Amino acid sequence: SELAVSCTIQNALPAAFSSKNNWFYLKAANSRADFR
């Protein structure tokens, strides 16, 4: 099971990116960020 959290970024990002390690995954683009 995984926890999925979606967020609204207050100031839209100028470029999309994603990042992860052994425990966390993040995807951020424009005004949205998603954590797993």
Full PDB file with SEQRES, HELIX, SHEET, SSBOND, CRYST1, ORIGX, SCALE, CONECT and MASTER records, all heavy atoms in Angstrom:
SEQRES   1 A   36  SER GLU LEU ALA VAL SER CYS THR ILE GLN ASN ALA LEU          
SEQRES   2 A   36  PRO ALA ALA PHE SER SER LYS ASN ASN TRP PHE TYR LEU          
SEQRES   3 A   36  LYS ALA ALA ASN SER ARG ALA ASP PHE ARG                      
SHEET    1 AA1 4 VAL A   5  THR A   8  0                                        
SHEET    2 AA1 4 ARG A  32  PHE A  35 -1                                        
SHEET    3 AA1 4 TYR A  25  ALA A  29 -1                                        
SHEET    4 AA1 4 PHE A  17  LYS A  20 -1                                        
CRYST1    1.000    1.000    1.000  90.00  90.00  90.00 P 1           1          
ORIGX1      1.000000  0.000000  0.000000        0.00000                         
ORIGX2      0.000000  1.000000  0.000000        0.00000                         
ORIGX3      0.000000  0.000000  1.000000        0.00000                         
SCALE1      1.000000  0.000000  0.000000        0.00000                         
SCALE2      0.000000  1.000000  0.000000        0.00000                         
SCALE3      0.000000  0.000000  1.000000        0.00000                         
ATOM      1  N   SER A   1       0.844  -1.187   0.000  1.00  0.00           N  
ATOM      2  CA  SER A   1       0.000   0.000   0.000  1.00  0.00           C  
ATOM      3  C   SER A   1       0.879   1.236   0.000  1.00  0.00           C  
ATOM      4  O   SER A   1       1.985   1.228   0.561  1.00  0.00           O  
ATOM      5  CB  SER A   1      -0.913   0.024   1.231  1.00  0.00           C  
ATOM      6  OG  SER A   1      -1.774  -1.099   1.251  1.00  0.00           O  
ATOM      7  N   GLU A   2       0.416   2.301  -0.635  1.00  0.00           N  
ATOM      8  CA  GLU A   2       1.166   3.543  -0.652  1.00  0.00           C  
ATOM      9  C   GLU A   2       0.243   4.725  -0.425  1.00  0.00           C  
ATOM     10  O   GLU A   2      -0.938   4.686  -0.793  1.00  0.00           O  
ATOM     11  CB  GLU A   2       1.930   3.724  -1.966  1.00  0.00           C  
ATOM     12  CG  GLU A   2       1.055   3.899  -3.186  1.00  0.00           C  
ATOM     13  CD  GLU A   2       1.871   4.106  -4.461  1.00  0.00           C  
ATOM     14  OE1 GLU A   2       3.099   3.996  -4.406  1.00  0.00           O  
ATOM     15  OE2 GLU A   2       1.254   4.398  -5.502  1.00  0.00           O  
ATOM     16  N   LEU A   3       0.787   5.744   0.191  1.00  0.00           N  
ATOM     17  CA  LEU A   3       0.043   6.981   0.403  1.00  0.00           C  
ATOM     18  C   LEU A   3       0.321   7.904  -0.774  1.00  0.00           C  
ATOM     19  O   LEU A   3       1.481   8.181  -1.095  1.00  0.00           O  
ATOM     20  CB  LEU A   3       0.484   7.653   1.709  1.00  0.00           C  
ATOM     21  CG  LEU A   3      -0.164   9.010   2.016  1.00  0.00           C  
ATOM     22  CD1 LEU A   3      -1.649   8.846   2.294  1.00  0.00           C  
ATOM     23  CD2 LEU A   3       0.539   9.688   3.187  1.00  0.00           C  
ATOM     24  N   ALA A   4      -0.732   8.381  -1.412  1.00  0.00           N  
ATOM     25  CA  ALA A   4      -0.605   9.343  -2.510  1.00  0.00           C  
ATOM     26  C   ALA A   4      -1.118  10.692  -2.024  1.00  0.00           C  
ATOM     27  O   ALA A   4      -2.238  10.800  -1.519  1.00  0.00           O  
ATOM     28  CB  ALA A   4      -1.405   8.877  -3.727  1.00  0.00           C  
ATOM     29  N   VAL A   5      -0.271  11.719  -2.148  1.00  0.00           N  
ATOM     30  CA  VAL A   5      -0.624  13.067  -1.713  1.00  0.00           C  
ATOM     31  C   VAL A   5      -0.484  14.005  -2.905  1.00  0.00           C  
ATOM     32  O   VAL A   5       0.560  14.032  -3.565  1.00  0.00           O  
ATOM     33  CB  VAL A   5       0.292  13.552  -0.571  1.00  0.00           C  
ATOM     34  CG1 VAL A   5      -0.150  14.939  -0.089  1.00  0.00           C  
ATOM     35  CG2 VAL A   5       0.300  12.561   0.579  1.00  0.00           C  
ATOM     36  N   SER A   6      -1.516  14.757  -3.205  1.00  0.00           N  
ATOM     37  CA  SER A   6      -1.450  15.746  -4.269  1.00  0.00           C  
ATOM     38  C   SER A   6      -1.515  17.141  -3.664  1.00  0.00           C  
ATOM     39  O   SER A   6      -2.272  17.386  -2.719  1.00  0.00           O  
ATOM     40  CB  SER A   6      -2.583  15.561  -5.282  1.00  0.00           C  
ATOM     41  OG  SER A   6      -3.837  15.763  -4.666  1.00  0.00           O  
ATOM     42  N   CYS A   7      -0.700  18.052  -4.196  1.00  0.00           N  
ATOM     43  CA  CYS A   7      -0.601  19.410  -3.664  1.00  0.00           C  
ATOM     44  C   CYS A   7      -0.705  20.431  -4.792  1.00  0.00           C  
ATOM     45  O   CYS A   7      -0.360  20.144  -5.943  1.00  0.00           O  
ATOM     46  CB  CYS A   7       0.737  19.611  -2.946  1.00  0.00           C  
ATOM     47  SG  CYS A   7       1.067  18.450  -1.614  1.00  0.00           S  
ATOM     48  N   THR A   8      -1.147  21.600  -4.466  1.00  0.00           N  
ATOM     49  CA  THR A   8      -1.139  22.732  -5.378  1.00  0.00           C  
ATOM     50  C   THR A   8       0.043  23.626  -5.032  1.00  0.00           C  
ATOM     51  O   THR A   8       0.187  24.065  -3.885  1.00  0.00           O  
ATOM     52  CB  THR A   8      -2.439  23.541  -5.274  1.00  0.00           C  
ATOM     53  OG1 THR A   8      -3.541  22.707  -5.636  1.00  0.00           O  
ATOM     54  CG2 THR A   8      -2.407  24.749  -6.204  1.00  0.00           C  
ATOM     55  N   ILE A   9       0.902  23.877  -6.013  1.00  0.00           N  
ATOM     56  CA  ILE A   9       2.067  24.735  -5.809  1.00  0.00           C  
ATOM     57  C   ILE A   9       1.621  26.183  -5.947  1.00  0.00           C  
ATOM     58  O   ILE A   9       0.952  26.552  -6.921  1.00  0.00           O  
ATOM     59  CB  ILE A   9       3.171  24.397  -6.813  1.00  0.00           C  
ATOM     60  CG1 ILE A   9       3.566  22.920  -6.684  1.00  0.00           C  
ATOM     61  CG2 ILE A   9       4.388  25.284  -6.623  1.00  0.00           C  
ATOM     62  CD1 ILE A   9       4.534  22.437  -7.753  1.00  0.00           C  
ATOM     63  N   GLN A  10       1.992  27.000  -4.997  1.00  0.00           N  
ATOM     64  CA  GLN A  10       1.501  28.374  -4.960  1.00  0.00           C  
ATOM     65  C   GLN A  10       1.981  29.206  -6.141  1.00  0.00           C  
ATOM     66  O   GLN A  10       1.240  30.039  -6.667  1.00  0.00           O  
ATOM     67  CB  GLN A  10       1.928  29.033  -3.636  1.00  0.00           C  
ATOM     68  CG  GLN A  10       1.253  28.415  -2.417  1.00  0.00           C  
ATOM     69  CD  GLN A  10       1.824  28.909  -1.103  1.00  0.00           C  
ATOM     70  OE1 GLN A  10       2.679  29.797  -1.084  1.00  0.00           O  
ATOM     71  NE2 GLN A  10       1.379  28.324   0.000  1.00  0.00           N  
ATOM     72  N   ASN A  11       3.228  29.004  -6.584  1.00  0.00           N  
ATOM     73  CA  ASN A  11       3.769  29.707  -7.745  1.00  0.00           C  
ATOM     74  C   ASN A  11       4.201  28.663  -8.761  1.00  0.00           C  
ATOM     75  O   ASN A  11       5.081  27.851  -8.474  1.00  0.00           O  
ATOM     76  CB  ASN A  11       4.955  30.583  -7.350  1.00  0.00           C  
ATOM     77  CG  ASN A  11       4.589  31.600  -6.274  1.00  0.00           C  
ATOM     78  OD1 ASN A  11       5.098  31.547  -5.159  1.00  0.00           O  
ATOM     79  ND2 ASN A  11       3.709  32.527  -6.585  1.00  0.00           N  
ATOM     80  N   ALA A  12       3.564  28.682  -9.931  1.00  0.00           N  
ATOM     81  CA  ALA A  12       3.808  27.651 -10.941  1.00  0.00           C  
ATOM     82  C   ALA A  12       5.300  27.526 -11.256  1.00  0.00           C  
ATOM     83  O   ALA A  12       6.012  28.530 -11.409  1.00  0.00           O  
ATOM     84  CB  ALA A  12       3.040  27.979 -12.212  1.00  0.00           C  
ATOM     85  N   LEU A  13       5.771  26.289 -11.346  1.00  0.00           N  
ATOM     86  CA  LEU A  13       7.176  26.025 -11.633  1.00  0.00           C  
ATOM     87  C   LEU A  13       7.484  26.279 -13.111  1.00  0.00           C  
ATOM     88  O   LEU A  13       6.660  25.977 -13.982  1.00  0.00           O  
ATOM     89  CB  LEU A  13       7.526  24.586 -11.281  1.00  0.00           C  
ATOM     90  CG  LEU A  13       7.292  24.163  -9.823  1.00  0.00           C  
ATOM     91  CD1 LEU A  13       7.635  22.685  -9.646  1.00  0.00           C  
ATOM     92  CD2 LEU A  13       8.097  25.022  -8.868  1.00  0.00           C  
ATOM     93  N   PRO A  14       8.662  26.780 -13.437  1.00  0.00           N  
ATOM     94  CA  PRO A  14       9.021  27.036 -14.834  1.00  0.00           C  
ATOM     95  C   PRO A  14       9.404  25.779 -15.610  1.00  0.00           C  
ATOM     96  O   PRO A  14       9.522  25.820 -16.836  1.00  0.00           O  
ATOM     97  CB  PRO A  14      10.211  27.994 -14.717  1.00  0.00           C  
ATOM     98  CG  PRO A  14      10.830  27.650 -13.399  1.00  0.00           C  
ATOM     99  CD  PRO A  14       9.690  27.273 -12.499  1.00  0.00           C  
ATOM    100  N   ALA A  15       9.620  24.669 -14.904  1.00  0.00           N  
ATOM    101  CA  ALA A  15       9.971  23.408 -15.572  1.00  0.00           C  
ATOM    102  C   ALA A  15       9.537  22.246 -14.690  1.00  0.00           C  
ATOM    103  O   ALA A  15       9.501  22.363 -13.463  1.00  0.00           O  
ATOM    104  CB  ALA A  15      11.471  23.333 -15.847  1.00  0.00           C  
ATOM    105  N   ALA A  16       9.194  21.139 -15.335  1.00  0.00           N  
ATOM    106  CA  ALA A  16       8.777  19.944 -14.603  1.00  0.00           C  
ATOM    107  C   ALA A  16       9.992  19.122 -14.190  1.00  0.00           C  
ATOM    108  O   ALA A  16      11.036  19.157 -14.848  1.00  0.00           O  
ATOM    109  CB  ALA A  16       7.848  19.103 -15.473  1.00  0.00           C  
ATOM    110  N   PHE A  17       9.856  18.382 -13.101  1.00  0.00           N  
ATOM    111  CA  PHE A  17      10.921  17.477 -12.680  1.00  0.00           C  
ATOM    112  C   PHE A  17      10.320  16.368 -11.828  1.00  0.00           C  
ATOM    113  O   PHE A  17       9.198  16.474 -11.321  1.00  0.00           O  
ATOM    114  CB  PHE A  17      12.008  18.218 -11.885  1.00  0.00           C  
ATOM    115  CG  PHE A  17      11.602  18.623 -10.492  1.00  0.00           C  
ATOM    116  CD1 PHE A  17      11.878  17.809  -9.400  1.00  0.00           C  
ATOM    117  CD2 PHE A  17      10.927  19.810 -10.274  1.00  0.00           C  
ATOM    118  CE1 PHE A  17      11.499  18.165  -8.119  1.00  0.00           C  
ATOM    119  CE2 PHE A  17      10.549  20.192  -8.989  1.00  0.00           C  
ATOM    120  CZ  PHE A  17      10.832  19.364  -7.914  1.00  0.00           C  
ATOM    121  N   SER A  18      11.065  15.295 -11.682  1.00  0.00           N  
ATOM    122  CA  SER A  18      10.673  14.206 -10.789  1.00  0.00           C  
ATOM    123  C   SER A  18      11.907  13.750 -10.032  1.00  0.00           C  
ATOM    124  O   SER A  18      13.032  13.900 -10.512  1.00  0.00           O  
ATOM    125  CB  SER A  18      10.056  13.038 -11.566  1.00  0.00           C  
ATOM    126  OG  SER A  18      10.991  12.488 -12.471  1.00  0.00           O  
ATOM    127  N   SER A  19      11.674  13.209  -8.840  1.00  0.00           N  
ATOM    128  CA  SER A  19      12.789  12.781  -8.005  1.00  0.00           C  
ATOM    129  C   SER A  19      12.327  11.638  -7.110  1.00  0.00           C  
ATOM    130  O   SER A  19      11.145  11.571  -6.730  1.00  0.00           O  
ATOM    131  CB  SER A  19      13.290  13.958  -7.152  1.00  0.00           C  
ATOM    132  OG  SER A  19      14.404  13.584  -6.370  1.00  0.00           O  
ATOM    133  N   LYS A  20      13.254  10.742  -6.757  1.00  0.00           N  
ATOM    134  CA  LYS A  20      12.879   9.631  -5.895  1.00  0.00           C  
ATOM    135  C   LYS A  20      14.097   9.110  -5.144  1.00  0.00           C  
ATOM    136  O   LYS A  20      15.252   9.346  -5.523  1.00  0.00           O  
ATOM    137  CB  LYS A  20      12.263   8.490  -6.706  1.00  0.00           C  
ATOM    138  CG  LYS A  20      13.213   7.833  -7.693  1.00  0.00           C  
ATOM    139  CD  LYS A  20      12.517   6.695  -8.427  1.00  0.00           C  
ATOM    140  CE  LYS A  20      13.481   6.027  -9.418  1.00  0.00           C  
ATOM    141  NZ  LYS A  20      12.839   4.895 -10.124  1.00  0.00           N  
ATOM    142  N   ASN A  21      13.822   8.415  -4.055  1.00  0.00           N  
ATOM    143  CA  ASN A  21      14.838   7.630  -3.362  1.00  0.00           C  
ATOM    144  C   ASN A  21      14.208   6.300  -2.980  1.00  0.00           C  
ATOM    145  O   ASN A  21      13.206   5.891  -3.588  1.00  0.00           O  
ATOM    146  CB  ASN A  21      15.423   8.391  -2.157  1.00  0.00           C  
ATOM    147  CG  ASN A  21      14.403   8.625  -1.051  1.00  0.00           C  
ATOM    148  OD1 ASN A  21      13.260   8.144  -1.105  1.00  0.00           O  
ATOM    149  ND2 ASN A  21      14.801   9.368  -0.038  1.00  0.00           N  
ATOM    150  N   ASN A  22      14.737   5.611  -2.005  1.00  0.00           N  
ATOM    151  CA  ASN A  22      14.196   4.296  -1.651  1.00  0.00           C  
ATOM    152  C   ASN A  22      12.801   4.367  -1.037  1.00  0.00           C  
ATOM    153  O   ASN A  22      12.100   3.352  -0.982  1.00  0.00           O  
ATOM    154  CB  ASN A  22      15.141   3.592  -0.668  1.00  0.00           C  
ATOM    155  CG  ASN A  22      16.448   3.182  -1.322  1.00  0.00           C  
ATOM    156  OD1 ASN A  22      16.499   2.971  -2.527  1.00  0.00           O  
ATOM    157  ND2 ASN A  22      17.505   3.083  -0.537  1.00  0.00           N  
ATOM    158  N   TRP A  23      12.402   5.550  -0.549  1.00  0.00           N  
ATOM    159  CA  TRP A  23      11.133   5.651   0.160  1.00  0.00           C  
ATOM    160  C   TRP A  23      10.140   6.611  -0.479  1.00  0.00           C  
ATOM    161  O   TRP A  23       8.930   6.408  -0.374  1.00  0.00           O  
ATOM    162  CB  TRP A  23      11.389   6.118   1.597  1.00  0.00           C  
ATOM    163  CG  TRP A  23      12.151   5.138   2.409  1.00  0.00           C  
ATOM    164  CD1 TRP A  23      13.457   5.219   2.792  1.00  0.00           C  
ATOM    165  CD2 TRP A  23      11.675   3.892   2.923  1.00  0.00           C  
ATOM    166  NE1 TRP A  23      13.829   4.122   3.522  1.00  0.00           N  
ATOM    167  CE2 TRP A  23      12.749   3.287   3.621  1.00  0.00           C  
ATOM    168  CE3 TRP A  23      10.441   3.241   2.880  1.00  0.00           C  
ATOM    169  CZ2 TRP A  23      12.630   2.056   4.260  1.00  0.00           C  
ATOM    170  CZ3 TRP A  23      10.325   2.023   3.527  1.00  0.00           C  
ATOM    171  CH2 TRP A  23      11.411   1.444   4.194  1.00  0.00           C  
ATOM    172  N   PHE A  24      10.627   7.639  -1.132  1.00  0.00           N  
ATOM    173  CA  PHE A  24       9.744   8.704  -1.593  1.00  0.00           C  
ATOM    174  C   PHE A  24       9.831   8.877  -3.109  1.00  0.00           C  
ATOM    175  O   PHE A  24      10.895   8.706  -3.704  1.00  0.00           O  
ATOM    176  CB  PHE A  24      10.110  10.040  -0.937  1.00  0.00           C  
ATOM    177  CG  PHE A  24      10.210   9.979   0.562  1.00  0.00           C  
ATOM    178  CD1 PHE A  24      11.334  10.484   1.211  1.00  0.00           C  
ATOM    179  CD2 PHE A  24       9.189   9.440   1.324  1.00  0.00           C  
ATOM    180  CE1 PHE A  24      11.436  10.438   2.589  1.00  0.00           C  
ATOM    181  CE2 PHE A  24       9.284   9.382   2.698  1.00  0.00           C  
ATOM    182  CZ  PHE A  24      10.407   9.889   3.331  1.00  0.00           C  
ATOM    183  N   TYR A  25       8.699   9.249  -3.687  1.00  0.00           N  
ATOM    184  CA  TYR A  25       8.675   9.600  -5.110  1.00  0.00           C  
ATOM    185  C   TYR A  25       7.917  10.914  -5.244  1.00  0.00           C  
ATOM    186  O   TYR A  25       6.848  11.095  -4.638  1.00  0.00           O  
ATOM    187  CB  TYR A  25       7.984   8.516  -5.942  1.00  0.00           C  
ATOM    188  CG  TYR A  25       7.815   8.927  -7.394  1.00  0.00           C  
ATOM    189  CD1 TYR A  25       8.871   8.841  -8.294  1.00  0.00           C  
ATOM    190  CD2 TYR A  25       6.598   9.425  -7.854  1.00  0.00           C  
ATOM    191  CE1 TYR A  25       8.725   9.230  -9.614  1.00  0.00           C  
ATOM    192  CE2 TYR A  25       6.441   9.818  -9.176  1.00  0.00           C  
ATOM    193  CZ  TYR A  25       7.504   9.720 -10.053  1.00  0.00           C  
ATOM    194  OH  TYR A  25       7.362  10.119 -11.356  1.00  0.00           O  
ATOM    195  N   LEU A  26       8.464  11.820  -6.040  1.00  0.00           N  
ATOM    196  CA  LEU A  26       7.855  13.129  -6.263  1.00  0.00           C  
ATOM    197  C   LEU A  26       7.838  13.450  -7.745  1.00  0.00           C  
ATOM    198  O   LEU A  26       8.824  13.242  -8.447  1.00  0.00           O  
ATOM    199  CB  LEU A  26       8.652  14.216  -5.524  1.00  0.00           C  
ATOM    200  CG  LEU A  26       8.375  15.667  -5.930  1.00  0.00           C  
ATOM    201  CD1 LEU A  26       6.970  16.084  -5.518  1.00  0.00           C  
ATOM    202  CD2 LEU A  26       9.420  16.607  -5.335  1.00  0.00           C  
ATOM    203  N   LYS A  27       6.709  13.967  -8.196  1.00  0.00           N  
ATOM    204  CA  LYS A  27       6.587  14.494  -9.550  1.00  0.00           C  
ATOM    205  C   LYS A  27       5.952  15.864  -9.443  1.00  0.00           C  
ATOM    206  O   LYS A  27       4.890  16.015  -8.826  1.00  0.00           O  
ATOM    207  CB  LYS A  27       5.730  13.569 -10.424  1.00  0.00           C  
ATOM    208  CG  LYS A  27       5.587  14.058 -11.867  1.00  0.00           C  
ATOM    209  CD  LYS A  27       4.753  13.094 -12.691  1.00  0.00           C  
ATOM    210  CE  LYS A  27       4.617  13.569 -14.131  1.00  0.00           C  
ATOM    211  NZ  LYS A  27       3.782  12.638 -14.939  1.00  0.00           N  
ATOM    212  N   ALA A  28       6.602  16.868 -10.022  1.00  0.00           N  
ATOM    213  CA  ALA A  28       6.096  18.240  -9.932  1.00  0.00           C  
ATOM    214  C   ALA A  28       6.122  18.887 -11.307  1.00  0.00           C  
ATOM    215  O   ALA A  28       7.105  18.782 -12.043  1.00  0.00           O  
ATOM    216  CB  ALA A  28       6.936  19.055  -8.952  1.00  0.00           C  
ATOM    217  N   ALA A  29       5.030  19.542 -11.663  1.00  0.00           N  
ATOM    218  CA  ALA A  29       4.924  20.239 -12.946  1.00  0.00           C  
ATOM    219  C   ALA A  29       3.892  21.347 -12.817  1.00  0.00           C  
ATOM    220  O   ALA A  29       2.840  21.158 -12.191  1.00  0.00           O  
ATOM    221  CB  ALA A  29       4.531  19.276 -14.068  1.00  0.00           C  
ATOM    222  N   ASN A  30       4.230  22.492 -13.376  1.00  0.00           N  
ATOM    223  CA  ASN A  30       3.328  23.645 -13.339  1.00  0.00           C  
ATOM    224  C   ASN A  30       2.924  23.956 -11.898  1.00  0.00           C  
ATOM    225  O   ASN A  30       3.762  24.273 -11.086  1.00  0.00           O  
ATOM    226  CB  ASN A  30       2.120  23.398 -14.232  1.00  0.00           C  
ATOM    227  CG  ASN A  30       2.508  23.231 -15.693  1.00  0.00           C  
ATOM    228  OD1 ASN A  30       3.345  23.986 -16.200  1.00  0.00           O  
ATOM    229  ND2 ASN A  30       1.937  22.248 -16.377  1.00  0.00           N  
ATOM    230  N   SER A  31       1.652  23.809 -11.586  1.00  0.00           N  
ATOM    231  CA  SER A  31       1.166  24.143 -10.245  1.00  0.00           C  
ATOM    232  C   SER A  31       0.754  22.918  -9.443  1.00  0.00           C  
ATOM    233  O   SER A  31      -0.010  23.029  -8.480  1.00  0.00           O  
ATOM    234  CB  SER A  31      -0.021  25.117 -10.343  1.00  0.00           C  
ATOM    235  OG  SER A  31       0.366  26.333 -10.938  1.00  0.00           O  
ATOM    236  N   ARG A  32       1.261  21.752  -9.818  1.00  0.00           N  
ATOM    237  CA  ARG A  32       0.862  20.534  -9.119  1.00  0.00           C  
ATOM    238  C   ARG A  32       2.075  19.704  -8.738  1.00  0.00           C  
ATOM    239  O   ARG A  32       3.028  19.571  -9.500  1.00  0.00           O  
ATOM    240  CB  ARG A  32      -0.089  19.704  -9.982  1.00  0.00           C  
ATOM    241  CG  ARG A  32      -0.446  18.359  -9.363  1.00  0.00           C  
ATOM    242  CD  ARG A  32      -1.604  17.700 -10.016  1.00  0.00           C  
ATOM    243  NE  ARG A  32      -1.862  16.382  -9.449  1.00  0.00           N  
ATOM    244  CZ  ARG A  32      -3.021  15.752  -9.505  1.00  0.00           C  
ATOM    245  NH1 ARG A  32      -4.049  16.321 -10.101  1.00  0.00           N  
ATOM    246  NH2 ARG A  32      -3.163  14.546  -8.970  1.00  0.00           N  
ATOM    247  N   ALA A  33       2.000  19.141  -7.537  1.00  0.00           N  
ATOM    248  CA  ALA A  33       3.023  18.210  -7.066  1.00  0.00           C  
ATOM    249  C   ALA A  33       2.341  16.966  -6.534  1.00  0.00           C  
ATOM    250  O   ALA A  33       1.330  17.054  -5.826  1.00  0.00           O  
ATOM    251  CB  ALA A  33       3.873  18.851  -5.978  1.00  0.00           C  
ATOM    252  N   ASP A  34       2.866  15.804  -6.888  1.00  0.00           N  
ATOM    253  CA  ASP A  34       2.314  14.531  -6.441  1.00  0.00           C  
ATOM    254  C   ASP A  34       3.395  13.728  -5.725  1.00  0.00           C  
ATOM    255  O   ASP A  34       4.483  13.512  -6.263  1.00  0.00           O  
ATOM    256  CB  ASP A  34       1.771  13.731  -7.623  1.00  0.00           C  
ATOM    257  CG  ASP A  34       0.548  14.378  -8.241  1.00  0.00           C  
ATOM    258  OD1 ASP A  34      -0.512  14.354  -7.603  1.00  0.00           O  
ATOM    259  OD2 ASP A  34       0.667  14.920  -9.365  1.00  0.00           O  
ATOM    260  N   PHE A  35       3.072  13.304  -4.504  1.00  0.00           N  
ATOM    261  CA  PHE A  35       3.970  12.480  -3.696  1.00  0.00           C  
ATOM    262  C   PHE A  35       3.399  11.063  -3.603  1.00  0.00           C  
ATOM    263  O   PHE A  35       2.183  10.890  -3.504  1.00  0.00           O  
ATOM    264  CB  PHE A  35       4.090  13.032  -2.271  1.00  0.00           C  
ATOM    265  CG  PHE A  35       4.669  14.413  -2.178  1.00  0.00           C  
ATOM    266  CD1 PHE A  35       3.872  15.534  -2.353  1.00  0.00           C  
ATOM    267  CD2 PHE A  35       6.015  14.596  -1.901  1.00  0.00           C  
ATOM    268  CE1 PHE A  35       4.390  16.814  -2.246  1.00  0.00           C  
ATOM    269  CE2 PHE A  35       6.555  15.875  -1.785  1.00  0.00           C  
ATOM    270  CZ  PHE A  35       5.734  16.986  -1.960  1.00  0.00           C  
ATOM    271  N   ARG A  36       4.301  10.086  -3.603  1.00  0.00           N  
ATOM    272  CA  ARG A  36       3.901   8.700  -3.353  1.00  0.00           C  
ATOM    273  C   ARG A  36       4.878   8.105  -2.344  1.00  0.00           C  
ATOM    274  O   ARG A  36       6.094   8.175  -2.534  1.00  0.00           O  
ATOM    275  CB  ARG A  36       3.887   7.875  -4.641  1.00  0.00           C  
ATOM    276  CG  ARG A  36       2.856   8.334  -5.660  1.00  0.00           C  
ATOM    277  CD  ARG A  36       2.372   7.166  -6.536  1.00  0.00           C  
ATOM    278  NE  ARG A  36       3.460   6.376  -7.067  1.00  0.00           N  
ATOM    279  CZ  ARG A  36       4.016   6.559  -8.259  1.00  0.00           C  
ATOM    280  NH1 ARG A  36       3.591   7.543  -9.039  1.00  0.00           N  
ATOM    281  NH2 ARG A  36       4.990   5.781  -8.677  1.00  0.00           N  
TER     282      ARG A  36                                                      
MASTER        0    0    0    0    4    0    0    6  281    1    0    3          
END                                                                             
